[in-house]
Amino acid sequence: MAHFEGLTPNSGLTEVLRAFPRNSKPLLHLLNSIMCADGELSRGQRETIAAIVSQQNDVAYCAFYHSLFAEVLTAPNAQPNVDVEPLAEYARRLIVGDSGELDRAFKAALSAGWSQAALYETVEVVGIFNFINTIVKAAGLVQPQARPCPMPTAEGLAHSYMDMAESIGSCSPGPVSSCRSR
């Protein structure tokens, strides 16, 4: 059930962010930086962690899309996905778990060969998706009934967060009415 006027359960995140544009572009720029910048983790691995965070937070809409994006980005011709289970467990413990469980998950990921930089990138993905998941829950967005047709491609996903940001429009400081679409 949609919770904000003008949105339906079948609305998408872009529609939610357009309805409340004040901080949408900076949020999407941060999302892009966390998910797409060079680092220890591939984009596919980050999308896998985003899907796990969304599943842990019980946000089917985000779990659906980020599982799909991870699948596309780790397809046979895309960058291979190294076993991320130690990072996934670390992500889960960041969300729910006591300090002992978190410490064990951190050490297990290091023992599995992941660097501290990879663990920190996992922290960033968990943090941004806890935020995005909260927005999606508040908006009442629901999981689509079917996979998109046509399916997204790795090339099409390459700039997807920046494309979303550009579709929001630009805002000047002040009330929502000072925003304009491009």
Protein backbone atom coordinates (compact mmCIF):
# COMPACT_ATOMS: atom_id res chain seq x y z
CA MET A 1 0.00 0.00 0.00
CA ALA A 2 1.42 3.37 -1.02
CA HIS A 3 1.83 5.77 1.86
CA PHE A 4 2.41 9.10 0.12
CA GLU A 5 -0.16 10.98 -1.93
CA GLY A 6 0.27 10.56 -5.67
CA LEU A 7 2.16 7.26 -5.40
CA THR A 8 0.81 3.78 -5.95
CA PRO A 9 2.27 0.45 -4.82
CA ASN A 10 3.42 0.00 -8.43
CA SER A 11 5.32 3.29 -8.44
CA GLY A 12 9.08 3.05 -8.62
CA LEU A 13 11.83 4.58 -6.55
CA THR A 14 12.35 7.23 -9.21
CA GLU A 15 8.74 8.42 -8.76
CA VAL A 16 9.22 8.59 -4.99
CA LEU A 17 12.39 10.64 -5.35
CA ARG A 18 10.73 12.94 -7.91
CA ALA A 19 7.89 13.54 -5.44
CA PHE A 20 10.43 14.60 -2.78
CA PRO A 21 13.36 15.99 -4.78
CA ARG A 22 15.10 18.16 -2.16
CA ASN A 23 17.79 15.59 -1.27
CA SER A 24 17.21 13.08 -4.04
CA LYS A 25 20.06 14.04 -6.35
CA PRO A 26 22.70 14.12 -3.58
CA LEU A 27 21.40 10.75 -2.35
CA LEU A 28 21.68 9.26 -5.83
CA HIS A 29 25.16 10.72 -6.29
CA LEU A 30 26.22 9.07 -3.02
CA LEU A 31 24.54 5.83 -4.09
CA ASN A 32 26.42 5.98 -7.39
CA SER A 33 29.73 6.62 -5.63
CA ILE A 34 29.23 3.70 -3.24
CA MET A 35 27.95 1.24 -5.84
CA CYS A 36 29.93 2.16 -8.96
CA ALA A 37 33.31 3.60 -7.98
CA ASP A 38 36.45 1.55 -8.36
CA GLY A 39 37.32 -0.42 -5.28
CA GLU A 40 37.87 -3.87 -3.85
CA LEU A 41 34.38 -5.07 -4.74
CA SER A 42 32.93 -5.31 -8.23
CA ARG A 43 29.59 -3.69 -9.00
CA GLY A 44 28.03 -7.15 -9.17
CA GLN A 45 29.34 -8.01 -5.71
CA ARG A 46 27.99 -4.73 -4.33
CA GLU A 47 24.59 -5.40 -5.92
CA THR A 48 24.64 -8.87 -4.34
CA ILE A 49 25.24 -7.31 -0.93
CA ALA A 50 22.51 -4.71 -1.60
CA ALA A 51 20.08 -7.56 -2.34
CA ILE A 52 21.08 -9.35 0.88
CA VAL A 53 20.62 -6.17 2.92
CA SER A 54 17.21 -5.64 1.33
CA GLN A 55 16.19 -9.25 2.07
CA GLN A 56 17.39 -8.86 5.67
CA ASN A 57 15.33 -5.65 5.96
CA ASP A 58 12.30 -7.39 4.40
CA VAL A 59 12.09 -4.97 1.48
CA ALA A 60 10.99 -7.19 -1.41
CA TYR A 61 11.03 -4.35 -3.97
CA CYS A 62 14.75 -3.66 -3.46
CA ALA A 63 15.67 -7.33 -3.00
CA PHE A 64 14.00 -8.09 -6.36
CA TYR A 65 15.80 -5.39 -8.33
CA HIS A 66 19.23 -5.74 -6.76
CA SER A 67 19.16 -9.54 -7.12
CA LEU A 68 18.32 -8.98 -10.77
CA PHE A 69 21.11 -6.40 -11.17
CA ALA A 70 23.60 -8.74 -9.47
CA GLU A 71 22.55 -11.54 -11.80
CA VAL A 72 23.00 -9.35 -14.88
CA LEU A 73 26.33 -7.96 -13.70
CA THR A 74 27.76 -11.36 -12.78
CA ALA A 75 26.51 -13.20 -15.88
CA PRO A 76 28.99 -15.42 -17.75
CA ASN A 77 30.20 -12.56 -19.95
CA ALA A 78 30.24 -10.03 -17.13
CA GLN A 79 32.71 -9.69 -14.27
CA PRO A 80 32.74 -12.96 -12.30
CA ASN A 81 31.31 -12.89 -8.80
CA VAL A 82 33.75 -14.21 -6.21
CA ASP A 83 32.07 -15.97 -3.30
CA VAL A 84 30.72 -13.09 -1.24
CA GLU A 85 29.18 -15.20 1.54
CA PRO A 86 31.68 -14.00 4.19
CA LEU A 87 30.83 -10.40 3.26
CA ALA A 88 27.12 -11.26 3.18
CA GLU A 89 27.35 -12.64 6.71
CA TYR A 90 29.24 -9.53 7.81
CA ALA A 91 26.46 -7.39 6.24
CA ARG A 92 23.79 -9.39 8.08
CA ARG A 93 25.61 -8.96 11.39
CA LEU A 94 25.89 -5.20 10.80
CA ILE A 95 22.09 -5.11 10.61
CA VAL A 96 21.21 -7.62 13.33
CA GLY A 97 23.76 -9.08 15.64
CA ASP A 98 25.58 -8.36 18.81
CA SER A 99 29.16 -7.12 18.90
CA GLY A 100 30.50 -10.66 19.33
CA GLU A 101 28.69 -11.89 16.20
CA LEU A 102 29.87 -8.85 14.27
CA ASP A 103 33.46 -9.41 15.40
CA ARG A 104 33.34 -13.10 14.38
CA ALA A 105 31.89 -12.20 10.96
CA PHE A 106 34.59 -9.53 10.46
CA LYS A 107 37.36 -12.01 11.32
CA ALA A 108 35.81 -14.74 9.15
CA ALA A 109 35.73 -12.41 6.14
CA LEU A 110 39.39 -11.49 6.69
CA SER A 111 40.27 -15.19 7.04
CA ALA A 112 38.44 -15.89 3.77
CA GLY A 113 40.83 -13.48 2.05
CA TRP A 114 38.79 -10.28 1.96
CA SER A 115 40.65 -7.05 2.73
CA GLN A 116 39.66 -4.44 5.27
CA ALA A 117 38.89 -2.15 2.32
CA ALA A 118 36.37 -4.72 1.03
CA LEU A 119 34.82 -4.91 4.49
CA TYR A 120 34.54 -1.12 4.63
CA GLU A 121 32.91 -1.07 1.18
CA THR A 122 30.44 -3.61 2.58
CA VAL A 123 29.71 -1.21 5.45
CA GLU A 124 29.00 1.55 2.90
CA VAL A 125 26.61 -0.68 0.92
CA VAL A 126 24.80 -1.73 4.11
CA GLY A 127 24.48 1.89 5.23
CA ILE A 128 23.14 3.29 1.96
CA PHE A 129 20.72 0.39 1.51
CA ASN A 130 19.38 0.68 5.04
CA PHE A 131 18.55 4.27 4.02
CA ILE A 132 17.12 3.36 0.59
CA ASN A 133 15.16 0.46 2.12
CA THR A 134 13.61 2.89 4.62
CA ILE A 135 12.47 5.18 1.79
CA VAL A 136 10.98 2.25 -0.13
CA LYS A 137 9.19 0.92 2.99
CA ALA A 138 7.79 4.38 3.77
CA ALA A 139 6.54 4.73 0.20
CA GLY A 140 4.90 1.30 0.28
CA LEU A 141 6.50 0.10 -2.95
CA VAL A 142 5.86 -3.56 -3.77
CA GLN A 143 7.86 -6.19 -5.59
CA PRO A 144 7.02 -6.39 -9.30
CA GLN A 145 5.08 -9.50 -10.34
CA ALA A 146 7.42 -10.28 -13.24
CA ARG A 147 10.93 -9.62 -14.42
CA PRO A 148 11.27 -6.62 -16.73
CA CYS A 149 11.10 -7.13 -20.45
CA PRO A 150 13.48 -6.36 -21.95
CA MET A 151 15.92 -7.41 -19.24
CA PRO A 152 18.50 -4.83 -18.20
CA THR A 153 22.00 -5.23 -19.57
CA ALA A 154 25.36 -4.66 -17.91
CA GLU A 155 25.88 -1.75 -20.30
CA GLY A 156 22.47 -0.30 -19.44
CA LEU A 157 23.19 -0.56 -15.71
CA ALA A 158 26.62 1.08 -15.99
CA HIS A 159 25.28 4.59 -15.32
CA SER A 160 21.84 3.72 -13.96
CA TYR A 161 22.15 5.61 -10.66
CA MET A 162 23.44 8.76 -12.36
CA ASP A 163 20.69 8.44 -14.96
CA MET A 164 18.16 8.32 -12.12
CA ALA A 165 19.74 11.42 -10.58
CA GLU A 166 19.51 13.31 -13.85
CA SER A 167 15.86 12.29 -14.28
CA ILE A 168 14.96 13.84 -10.92
CA GLY A 169 15.71 17.39 -12.01
CA SER A 170 17.66 20.00 -10.15
CA CYS A 171 16.85 21.81 -6.95
CA SER A 172 18.03 25.04 -5.51
CA PRO A 173 18.12 25.50 -1.74
CA GLY A 174 14.69 26.20 -0.36
CA PRO A 175 11.23 24.70 -0.56
CA VAL A 176 10.27 21.92 -2.93
CA SER A 177 8.65 24.47 -5.24
CA SER A 178 12.12 25.75 -6.15
CA CYS A 179 12.90 22.48 -7.92
CA ARG A 180 12.65 22.15 -11.65
CA SER A 181 12.75 19.14 -13.96
CA ARG A 182 15.24 18.84 -16.77
